[in-house]
Amino acid sequence: MGTSRIPLLGNERVRKFADRLAQLSAYGTEAYPLNVRRRLKIMNVTAYVIAIFTLVYAIQQMFLDFQTWKPVIIINLVMAAVALTVPFLHRYGELVGASVILVSELAGIFLLTSYLGRNSGLHIQYFAAPAAFFVILGLERLKLIVLAVAISFALYLGAWLLFLESADGFKISDADEAAHHAMAVATTFCVISIVLFYAFRQVEQAEAQTDALLHNILPGTVVNQLKEEPDATIANEFEEASVLFADIKGFVSLAKDLGPARTVALLNTIVRAFDELADRWGVEKIKTIGDAYMAAAGLPVPATNHADRIAGMALDMIDAAARISKEHDIDIALRVGIASGPVLAGVIGAKRLIYDVWGDTVNLASRLENLSRPHAILVSELTQMRLGDSYRLEPNGSIDVKGYGVVHTWFLQGRRTTDSRTAIPANDERETPRSAAAGDAAARSSA
């Protein structure tokens, strides 16, 4: 037991250290929009890195000869102190910290080179400046970046031409000069590497967050297609798919009794439960409109077992609604309608994009949901045929459906198999991850 705790304690320390670093990088950025906040975080990290390396210079020089190096040590300490004030300056404006540290560093390096001479290599650090300009100021301030880069280059040339040797009265050994040159080169590489690494890390995290949001709104294949061709028209025709509609009978009166807060909380609980089932069964959620929930199987990637998937989800939805009813002591009379057949699907809109489905199959599923009974699932004839003998279905006879005439319908009651984990075959086009718990939940003896 004692040895097994060591890695856990180590991981805990690492996590706490990482959390502390995250807090330091975010200090003073809370009041800004997300895109500005990311840039200010990069600025904070840049300031900390500069402060650390500058302090290392100062400490090294203290041990060499404090009296000789005193003016250089003071300059380094001032530069480090200025860098550490950057997170506190964000409250005065997003460019205040950037302006202060850029002026401090550009002037400080020039002043230090005037003492140590160009052989010290300190002016090489001007090459790190452009990288910092771009990630700190942002591309929207391109003119300011160009000006800053020009000033940095001019200071580099000035340091190279004006400070051939160290200042009068400030003599250092060749070994110390070589050590400073090597350290200046190493510092330049380290600052550029650390700042760019953190900047790209921020970009990757932002992209991951955006991708996660897009995948919550649109199917994965559609997201990938839009990323490759943002202006592309996404439209597909599917020879056969299954569409599900579900709503709560008497929801309007129920909402009046519950009030706004409890109504939204209840709907959120129900929709979250249905969303989890959609993921579990490999079904695509299309949209919700009030208490109505729409989903489809067999798109955007065709699947031969679309009816099995949508039926399994529908049965689990009835169970989920019953469970939530019991937990909240509210009668949630869920009605479900399912139809199978050809559909059209695509992305519509310029803002708040939506992946939607159209066609007679969609309209029929909606009509069947309206004609279904509370706590029951009404399915079309084609859906019944695709489900075959794996499910127990009760004939509902022929009913007159508006816009369709006489339609043969069935009520889906449950599975015939005792273990649904083997009931749905793996699809050739796409393997649907399903947990054992999902399979167990789909096995029933009655609707």
Protein backbone atom coordinates (compact mmCIF):
# COMPACT_ATOMS: atom_id res chain seq x y z
CA MET A 1 0.00 0.00 0.00
CA GLY A 2 2.82 2.37 0.86
CA THR A 3 4.59 2.03 -2.47
CA SER A 4 1.37 2.44 -4.46
CA ARG A 5 0.81 5.88 -2.96
CA ILE A 6 4.10 7.32 -4.21
CA PRO A 7 3.01 7.79 -7.86
CA LEU A 8 -0.31 9.21 -6.72
CA LEU A 9 1.41 11.74 -4.49
CA GLY A 10 3.79 12.62 -7.30
CA ASN A 11 0.93 13.08 -9.76
CA GLU A 12 -0.89 15.22 -7.22
CA ARG A 13 2.14 17.47 -6.80
CA VAL A 14 2.52 17.79 -10.55
CA ARG A 15 -1.16 18.63 -10.92
CA LYS A 16 -1.01 21.27 -8.20
CA PHE A 17 2.16 22.73 -9.74
CA ALA A 18 0.49 22.86 -13.16
CA ASP A 19 -2.59 24.52 -11.63
CA ARG A 20 -0.38 27.11 -9.96
CA LEU A 21 1.41 27.87 -13.23
CA ALA A 22 -1.97 28.22 -14.96
CA GLN A 23 -3.09 30.71 -12.30
CA LEU A 24 0.11 32.74 -12.70
CA SER A 25 -0.23 32.84 -16.49
CA ALA A 26 -3.86 34.00 -16.18
CA TYR A 27 -3.23 36.66 -13.52
CA GLY A 28 -4.82 40.00 -14.39
CA THR A 29 -6.55 38.68 -17.53
CA GLU A 30 -9.97 37.82 -16.10
CA ALA A 31 -11.76 41.00 -17.21
CA TYR A 32 -10.93 40.57 -20.92
CA PRO A 33 -12.66 38.64 -23.74
CA LEU A 34 -11.37 35.13 -24.42
CA ASN A 35 -9.22 36.01 -27.45
CA VAL A 36 -7.55 38.93 -25.62
CA ARG A 37 -7.17 36.79 -22.50
CA ARG A 38 -5.16 34.21 -24.44
CA ARG A 39 -2.80 36.87 -25.74
CA LEU A 40 -2.33 38.37 -22.27
CA LYS A 41 -1.54 34.93 -20.89
CA ILE A 42 1.22 34.61 -23.46
CA MET A 43 2.45 38.06 -22.42
CA ASN A 44 2.52 37.00 -18.77
CA VAL A 45 4.52 33.87 -19.57
CA THR A 46 6.92 35.97 -21.67
CA ALA A 47 7.37 38.39 -18.76
CA TYR A 48 8.06 35.55 -16.30
CA VAL A 49 10.60 33.96 -18.63
CA ILE A 50 12.38 37.28 -19.16
CA ALA A 51 12.40 37.95 -15.41
CA ILE A 52 13.89 34.51 -14.68
CA PHE A 53 16.69 34.77 -17.23
CA THR A 54 17.47 38.36 -16.26
CA LEU A 55 17.74 37.37 -12.59
CA VAL A 56 20.06 34.51 -13.57
CA TYR A 57 22.28 37.07 -15.28
CA ALA A 58 22.27 39.29 -12.20
CA ILE A 59 23.07 36.43 -9.80
CA GLN A 60 25.88 35.20 -12.00
CA GLN A 61 27.38 38.69 -12.11
CA MET A 62 27.10 39.09 -8.33
CA PHE A 63 29.29 36.03 -7.86
CA LEU A 64 31.83 37.21 -10.45
CA ASP A 65 32.65 40.61 -8.94
CA PHE A 66 29.87 42.69 -7.42
CA GLN A 67 31.73 46.00 -7.45
CA THR A 68 32.84 45.69 -11.06
CA TRP A 69 29.48 44.45 -12.29
CA LYS A 70 27.38 46.69 -10.06
CA PRO A 71 25.85 48.92 -12.82
CA VAL A 72 25.04 45.88 -14.97
CA ILE A 73 23.51 44.07 -12.00
CA ILE A 74 21.32 47.07 -11.22
CA ILE A 75 20.10 47.29 -14.82
CA ASN A 76 19.27 43.57 -14.83
CA LEU A 77 17.41 43.81 -11.53
CA VAL A 78 15.40 46.78 -12.80
CA MET A 79 14.52 44.91 -16.00
CA ALA A 80 13.44 41.85 -14.00
CA ALA A 81 11.31 43.99 -11.68
CA VAL A 82 9.64 45.71 -14.63
CA ALA A 83 8.89 42.34 -16.24
CA LEU A 84 7.23 41.11 -13.03
CA THR A 85 4.91 44.12 -12.97
CA VAL A 86 3.35 43.22 -16.32
CA PRO A 87 0.51 41.03 -14.93
CA PHE A 88 -0.49 43.91 -12.63
CA LEU A 89 -0.59 46.39 -15.52
CA HIS A 90 -3.34 44.62 -17.46
CA ARG A 91 -5.98 46.41 -15.38
CA TYR A 92 -5.00 49.68 -17.11
CA GLY A 93 -5.43 48.35 -20.65
CA GLU A 94 -4.47 45.37 -22.77
CA LEU A 95 -1.48 47.18 -24.36
CA VAL A 96 -0.05 48.78 -21.21
CA GLY A 97 1.87 45.70 -20.05
CA ALA A 98 3.10 44.99 -23.58
CA SER A 99 4.32 48.57 -24.05
CA VAL A 100 6.14 48.66 -20.72
CA ILE A 101 7.97 45.38 -21.15
CA LEU A 102 8.89 46.05 -24.78
CA VAL A 103 10.33 49.48 -24.01
CA SER A 104 12.11 48.10 -20.94
CA GLU A 105 13.69 45.19 -22.79
CA LEU A 106 14.70 47.09 -25.93
CA ALA A 107 16.24 49.92 -23.95
CA GLY A 108 17.76 47.63 -21.31
CA ILE A 109 19.55 45.41 -23.84
CA PHE A 110 20.92 48.48 -25.60
CA LEU A 111 22.18 49.94 -22.32
CA LEU A 112 23.77 46.64 -21.23
CA THR A 113 25.53 46.28 -24.58
CA SER A 114 26.96 49.78 -24.10
CA TYR A 115 28.69 48.50 -20.95
CA LEU A 116 29.77 45.05 -22.11
CA GLY A 117 30.38 45.66 -25.82
CA ARG A 118 29.10 43.72 -28.78
CA ASN A 119 31.38 40.76 -28.10
CA SER A 120 29.16 39.96 -25.12
CA GLY A 121 26.45 38.96 -27.58
CA LEU A 122 23.67 40.67 -25.64
CA HIS A 123 22.42 42.46 -28.73
CA ILE A 124 21.65 39.05 -30.24
CA GLN A 125 18.62 38.99 -27.97
CA TYR A 126 16.99 41.52 -30.28
CA PHE A 127 16.34 38.56 -32.59
CA ALA A 128 13.92 37.15 -30.02
CA ALA A 129 11.88 40.36 -30.08
CA PRO A 130 9.91 39.83 -33.36
CA ALA A 131 8.52 36.50 -32.11
CA ALA A 132 7.33 38.22 -28.94
CA PHE A 133 5.84 41.12 -30.92
CA PHE A 134 3.62 38.85 -32.99
CA VAL A 135 2.28 36.69 -30.16
CA ILE A 136 1.89 39.55 -27.67
CA LEU A 137 0.43 42.28 -29.88
CA GLY A 138 -1.67 40.11 -32.19
CA LEU A 139 -1.90 40.19 -35.98
CA GLU A 140 -4.65 42.82 -35.91
CA ARG A 141 -1.94 45.34 -34.94
CA LEU A 142 0.33 44.58 -37.87
CA LYS A 143 1.44 48.19 -38.35
CA LEU A 144 2.52 48.41 -34.70
CA ILE A 145 4.36 45.11 -35.04
CA VAL A 146 6.22 46.31 -38.14
CA LEU A 147 7.21 49.50 -36.28
CA ALA A 148 8.42 47.51 -33.26
CA VAL A 149 10.41 45.13 -35.47
CA ALA A 150 12.01 48.09 -37.28
CA ILE A 151 12.99 49.72 -33.97
CA SER A 152 14.40 46.42 -32.71
CA PHE A 153 16.48 45.97 -35.87
CA ALA A 154 17.72 49.56 -35.68
CA LEU A 155 18.80 49.05 -32.07
CA TYR A 156 20.61 45.86 -33.06
CA LEU A 157 22.54 47.69 -35.79
CA GLY A 158 23.23 50.58 -33.43
CA ALA A 159 24.59 48.25 -30.74
CA TRP A 160 26.75 46.46 -33.30
CA LEU A 161 28.21 49.65 -34.77
CA LEU A 162 28.55 51.80 -31.64
CA PHE A 163 29.74 49.39 -28.96
CA LEU A 164 32.73 47.64 -30.44
CA GLU A 165 34.33 47.27 -27.04
CA SER A 166 33.18 47.39 -23.46
CA ALA A 167 32.77 50.81 -21.84
CA ASP A 168 35.79 52.69 -20.46
CA GLY A 169 36.56 51.60 -16.94
CA PHE A 170 34.56 48.42 -17.39
CA LYS A 171 37.02 45.66 -18.22
CA ILE A 172 36.12 41.99 -18.18
CA SER A 173 38.20 38.94 -18.98
CA ASP A 174 38.00 37.12 -22.28
CA ALA A 175 36.57 34.08 -20.45
CA ASP A 176 33.77 36.15 -18.89
CA GLU A 177 33.06 37.75 -22.23
CA ALA A 178 32.84 34.36 -23.94
CA ALA A 179 30.59 33.04 -21.16
CA HIS A 180 28.24 36.00 -21.56
CA HIS A 181 28.14 35.56 -25.32
CA ALA A 182 27.24 31.87 -24.97
CA MET A 183 24.61 32.68 -22.36
CA ALA A 184 23.10 35.41 -24.55
CA VAL A 185 22.75 32.97 -27.45
CA ALA A 186 21.25 30.31 -25.15
CA THR A 187 18.84 32.84 -23.65
CA THR A 188 17.66 33.94 -27.09
CA PHE A 189 16.95 30.36 -28.11
CA CYS A 190 15.22 29.55 -24.83
CA VAL A 191 13.00 32.64 -24.80
CA ILE A 192 11.89 32.10 -28.40
CA SER A 193 11.27 28.39 -27.80
CA ILE A 194 9.31 28.83 -24.57
CA VAL A 195 7.18 31.72 -25.81
CA LEU A 196 6.35 30.04 -29.12
CA PHE A 197 5.67 26.71 -27.41
CA TYR A 198 3.21 28.33 -25.03
CA ALA A 199 1.62 30.36 -27.83
CA PHE A 200 1.11 27.29 -30.02
CA ARG A 201 -0.19 25.38 -27.00
CA GLN A 202 -2.81 28.09 -26.50
CA VAL A 203 -3.76 27.86 -30.18
CA GLU A 204 -4.08 24.07 -29.99
CA GLN A 205 -6.26 24.30 -26.89
CA ALA A 206 -8.45 26.91 -28.58
CA GLU A 207 -8.80 24.68 -31.66
CA ALA A 208 -9.67 21.69 -29.46
CA GLN A 209 -12.37 23.71 -27.69
CA THR A 210 -13.76 24.90 -31.03
CA ASP A 211 -13.75 21.37 -32.43
CA ALA A 212 -15.53 20.05 -29.34
CA LEU A 213 -18.17 22.76 -29.71
CA LEU A 214 -18.63 22.07 -33.43
CA HIS A 215 -18.95 18.32 -32.80
CA ASN A 216 -21.69 19.07 -30.29
CA ILE A 217 -23.57 21.00 -32.98
CA LEU A 218 -22.83 19.05 -36.16
CA PRO A 219 -21.92 15.43 -37.02
CA GLY A 220 -18.20 14.69 -37.08
CA THR A 221 -18.03 13.97 -40.81
CA VAL A 222 -19.81 17.24 -41.55
CA VAL A 223 -17.42 19.17 -39.27
CA ASN A 224 -14.41 17.72 -41.11
CA GLN A 225 -15.94 18.58 -44.49
CA LEU A 226 -16.68 22.16 -43.44
CA LYS A 227 -13.16 22.61 -42.06
CA GLU A 228 -11.71 21.53 -45.40
CA GLU A 229 -14.25 23.49 -47.48
CA PRO A 230 -15.89 26.22 -45.36
CA ASP A 231 -18.06 27.45 -48.24
CA ALA A 232 -19.11 24.01 -49.44
CA THR A 233 -22.78 23.09 -49.71
CA ILE A 234 -23.40 20.04 -47.52
CA ALA A 235 -26.33 18.09 -49.00
CA ASN A 236 -26.82 14.32 -49.22
CA GLU A 237 -29.54 11.89 -50.19
CA PHE A 238 -29.86 8.63 -48.27
CA GLU A 239 -31.73 5.72 -49.79
CA GLU A 240 -32.85 4.58 -46.38
CA ALA A 241 -32.59 5.81 -42.80
CA SER A 242 -34.75 5.82 -39.67
CA VAL A 243 -36.12 9.00 -38.11
CA LEU A 244 -37.44 9.40 -34.56
CA PHE A 245 -39.64 12.08 -33.04
CA ALA A 246 -40.49 12.23 -29.34
CA ASP A 247 -42.38 14.69 -27.18
CA ILE A 248 -44.14 14.89 -23.82
CA LYS A 249 -47.92 14.80 -23.92
CA GLY A 250 -49.46 17.71 -22.01
CA PHE A 251 -46.15 19.49 -21.62
CA VAL A 252 -47.65 23.02 -21.88
CA SER A 253 -49.86 22.54 -18.85
CA LEU A 254 -47.03 20.76 -17.03
CA ALA A 255 -44.71 23.73 -17.69
CA LYS A 256 -47.29 26.14 -16.27
CA ASP A 257 -47.43 24.13 -13.06
CA LEU A 258 -43.65 23.83 -12.75
CA GLY A 259 -42.67 27.42 -13.56
CA PRO A 260 -39.73 28.57 -15.74
CA ALA A 261 -36.80 27.43 -13.58
CA ARG A 262 -38.07 23.91 -12.87
CA THR A 263 -39.26 23.49 -16.48
CA VAL A 264 -35.83 24.32 -17.91
CA ALA A 265 -34.12 22.10 -15.32
CA LEU A 266 -36.43 19.19 -16.16
CA LEU A 267 -35.99 19.61 -19.93
CA ASN A 268 -32.23 19.80 -19.49
CA THR A 269 -32.24 16.54 -17.53
CA ILE A 270 -34.39 14.80 -20.14
CA VAL A 271 -32.45 16.06 -23.16
CA ARG A 272 -29.09 15.20 -21.58
CA ALA A 273 -30.31 11.68 -20.93
CA PHE A 274 -31.52 11.35 -24.54
CA ASP A 275 -28.23 12.76 -25.86
CA GLU A 276 -26.30 10.10 -23.94
CA LEU A 277 -28.53 7.43 -25.43
CA ALA A 278 -27.97 8.81 -28.93
CA ASP A 279 -24.21 8.54 -28.46
CA ARG A 280 -24.56 5.06 -27.00
CA TRP A 281 -26.66 3.72 -29.89
CA GLY A 282 -24.81 5.49 -32.73
CA VAL A 283 -27.80 7.70 -33.51
CA GLU A 284 -27.49 11.29 -34.74
CA LYS A 285 -29.37 13.89 -32.72
CA ILE A 286 -30.89 16.37 -35.16
CA LYS A 287 -32.49 19.01 -32.94
CA THR A 288 -34.85 19.83 -30.10
CA ILE A 289 -37.80 22.22 -30.30
CA GLY A 290 -39.23 22.83 -26.87
CA ASP A 291 -40.06 19.39 -25.48
CA ALA A 292 -39.79 17.73 -28.93
CA TYR A 293 -36.69 15.63 -29.65
CA MET A 294 -35.67 14.56 -33.15
CA ALA A 295 -32.98 12.01 -34.03
CA ALA A 296 -32.01 9.84 -37.00
CA ALA A 297 -30.00 6.69 -37.62
CA GLY A 298 -28.19 5.78 -40.82
CA LEU A 299 -26.80 9.24 -41.50
CA PRO A 300 -24.56 11.12 -42.16
CA VAL A 301 -22.72 7.78 -42.52
CA PRO A 302 -25.05 5.14 -44.02
CA ALA A 303 -25.76 2.16 -41.75
CA THR A 304 -27.59 -1.05 -42.63
CA ASN A 305 -28.80 -1.48 -39.02
CA HIS A 306 -30.40 1.98 -38.76
CA ALA A 307 -33.78 0.60 -37.64
CA ASP A 308 -32.17 -1.48 -34.87
CA ARG A 309 -30.27 1.53 -33.60
CA ILE A 310 -33.25 3.86 -33.53
CA ALA A 311 -35.49 1.20 -31.95
CA GLY A 312 -32.97 0.45 -29.22
CA MET A 313 -32.64 4.14 -28.43
CA ALA A 314 -36.41 4.63 -28.41
CA LEU A 315 -36.93 1.82 -25.89
CA ASP A 316 -34.22 3.28 -23.68
CA MET A 317 -35.83 6.72 -23.98
CA ILE A 318 -39.07 5.32 -22.56
CA ASP A 319 -37.11 3.81 -19.66
CA ALA A 320 -35.18 7.06 -19.10
CA ALA A 321 -38.40 9.08 -19.05
CA ALA A 322 -39.91 6.67 -16.49
CA ARG A 323 -36.82 6.93 -14.31
CA ILE A 324 -36.80 10.75 -14.44
CA SER A 325 -40.55 10.78 -13.70
CA LYS A 326 -39.93 8.77 -10.55
CA GLU A 327 -36.94 10.88 -9.48
CA HIS A 328 -38.84 14.18 -9.90
CA ASP A 329 -42.28 12.86 -8.94
CA ILE A 330 -43.69 14.16 -12.24
CA ASP A 331 -45.65 12.27 -14.85
CA ILE A 332 -43.58 12.46 -18.05
CA ALA A 333 -45.87 10.92 -20.70
CA LEU A 334 -43.36 10.41 -23.52
CA ARG A 335 -44.73 9.64 -26.99
CA VAL A 336 -42.43 8.37 -29.75
CA GLY A 337 -42.90 7.94 -33.49
CA ILE A 338 -40.46 6.21 -35.85
CA ALA A 339 -40.45 5.95 -39.63
CA SER A 340 -37.91 4.50 -42.07
CA GLY A 341 -37.27 5.34 -45.69
CA PRO A 342 -35.39 7.74 -47.98
CA VAL A 343 -34.34 11.12 -46.58
CA LEU A 344 -32.45 14.24 -47.57
CA ALA A 345 -29.97 15.80 -45.16
CA GLY A 346 -27.68 18.81 -45.15
CA VAL A 347 -26.37 21.88 -43.39
CA ILE A 348 -28.46 25.04 -43.56
CA GLY A 349 -27.92 28.59 -42.39
CA ALA A 350 -25.05 31.08 -42.31
CA LYS A 351 -25.23 31.63 -38.54
CA ARG A 352 -26.03 28.97 -35.95
CA LEU A 353 -25.60 26.21 -38.50
CA ILE A 354 -27.85 23.20 -38.20
CA TYR A 355 -27.66 19.74 -39.74
CA ASP A 356 -31.26 19.01 -40.70
CA VAL A 357 -33.24 16.19 -42.35
CA TRP A 358 -36.17 16.44 -44.78
CA GLY A 359 -38.53 14.23 -46.73
CA ASP A 360 -41.67 12.14 -46.48
CA THR A 361 -39.99 9.83 -43.97
CA VAL A 362 -39.40 12.77 -41.61
CA ASN A 363 -42.98 13.99 -41.96
CA LEU A 364 -44.35 10.49 -41.37
CA ALA A 365 -42.27 10.04 -38.21
CA SER A 366 -43.66 13.34 -36.91
CA ARG A 367 -47.25 12.29 -37.69
CA LEU A 368 -46.74 8.93 -35.96
CA GLU A 369 -45.41 10.64 -32.85
CA ASN A 370 -48.63 12.72 -32.71
CA LEU A 371 -50.72 9.56 -33.10
CA SER A 372 -48.76 7.52 -30.58
CA ARG A 373 -49.90 6.79 -27.02
CA PRO A 374 -48.18 8.08 -23.85
CA HIS A 375 -45.25 5.85 -22.83
CA ALA A 376 -45.40 4.11 -26.23
CA ILE A 377 -43.51 3.92 -29.54
CA LEU A 378 -45.47 3.86 -32.82
CA VAL A 379 -43.51 2.70 -35.89
CA SER A 380 -44.14 2.63 -39.62
CA GLU A 381 -44.52 -0.47 -41.78
CA LEU A 382 -41.03 -0.22 -43.27
CA THR A 383 -39.51 0.15 -39.81
CA GLN A 384 -41.40 -2.96 -38.67
CA MET A 385 -40.05 -4.87 -41.66
CA ARG A 386 -36.45 -3.78 -40.98
CA LEU A 387 -36.70 -4.79 -37.31
CA GLY A 388 -37.77 -8.30 -38.26
CA ASP A 389 -38.12 -10.92 -35.53
CA SER A 390 -35.66 -9.32 -33.12
CA TYR A 391 -38.39 -7.15 -31.59
CA ARG A 392 -41.86 -7.67 -30.22
CA LEU A 393 -44.33 -5.45 -32.06
CA GLU A 394 -48.05 -5.14 -31.50
CA PRO A 395 -50.13 -4.48 -34.64
CA ASN A 396 -52.01 -1.20 -34.43
CA GLY A 397 -53.99 -1.73 -37.59
CA SER A 398 -54.42 0.76 -40.39
CA ILE A 399 -54.82 4.41 -39.48
CA ASP A 400 -55.52 7.47 -41.58
CA VAL A 401 -52.45 9.73 -41.49
CA LYS A 402 -52.85 13.27 -42.77
CA GLY A 403 -51.03 13.66 -46.06
CA TYR A 404 -50.35 9.91 -46.35
CA GLY A 405 -53.73 8.24 -46.36
CA VAL A 406 -54.08 4.81 -44.78
CA VAL A 407 -50.86 3.64 -43.10
CA HIS A 408 -50.16 0.31 -41.38
CA THR A 409 -48.54 0.87 -37.97
CA TRP A 410 -47.19 -1.13 -35.05
CA PHE A 411 -46.38 -0.40 -31.41
CA LEU A 412 -42.81 -1.33 -30.50
CA GLN A 413 -42.89 -3.17 -27.17
CA GLY A 414 -39.43 -4.58 -26.62
CA ARG A 415 -36.72 -6.97 -27.72
CA ARG A 416 -37.19 -10.68 -28.12
CA THR A 417 -33.53 -11.43 -27.36
CA THR A 418 -32.33 -11.73 -23.77
CA ASP A 419 -28.97 -10.10 -24.45
CA SER A 420 -29.05 -7.16 -26.86
CA ARG A 421 -25.30 -6.84 -26.90
CA THR A 422 -25.30 -9.40 -29.72
CA ALA A 423 -28.59 -8.31 -31.27
CA ILE A 424 -27.29 -5.39 -33.34
CA PRO A 425 -24.65 -6.49 -35.89
CA ALA A 426 -21.52 -4.44 -36.38
CA ASN A 427 -22.03 -2.09 -39.29
CA ASP A 428 -19.68 -2.42 -42.25
CA GLU A 429 -19.41 1.33 -42.78
CA ARG A 430 -19.01 2.47 -39.17
CA GLU A 431 -18.46 0.57 -35.94
CA THR A 432 -20.70 2.00 -33.23
CA PRO A 433 -19.11 1.99 -29.74
CA ARG A 434 -21.61 0.67 -27.26
CA SER A 435 -21.07 -0.21 -23.64
CA ALA A 436 -22.29 -3.42 -22.06
CA ALA A 437 -24.56 -1.30 -19.89
CA ALA A 438 -26.23 0.06 -23.00
CA GLY A 439 -26.88 -3.42 -24.27
CA ASP A 440 -28.31 -4.56 -20.97
CA ALA A 441 -30.57 -1.53 -20.83
CA ALA A 442 -32.04 -2.37 -24.23
CA ALA A 443 -33.15 -5.87 -23.24
CA ARG A 444 -36.75 -5.90 -22.06
CA SER A 445 -39.64 -8.17 -21.40
CA SER A 446 -42.32 -5.54 -22.07
CA ALA A 447 -42.71 -1.94 -23.30
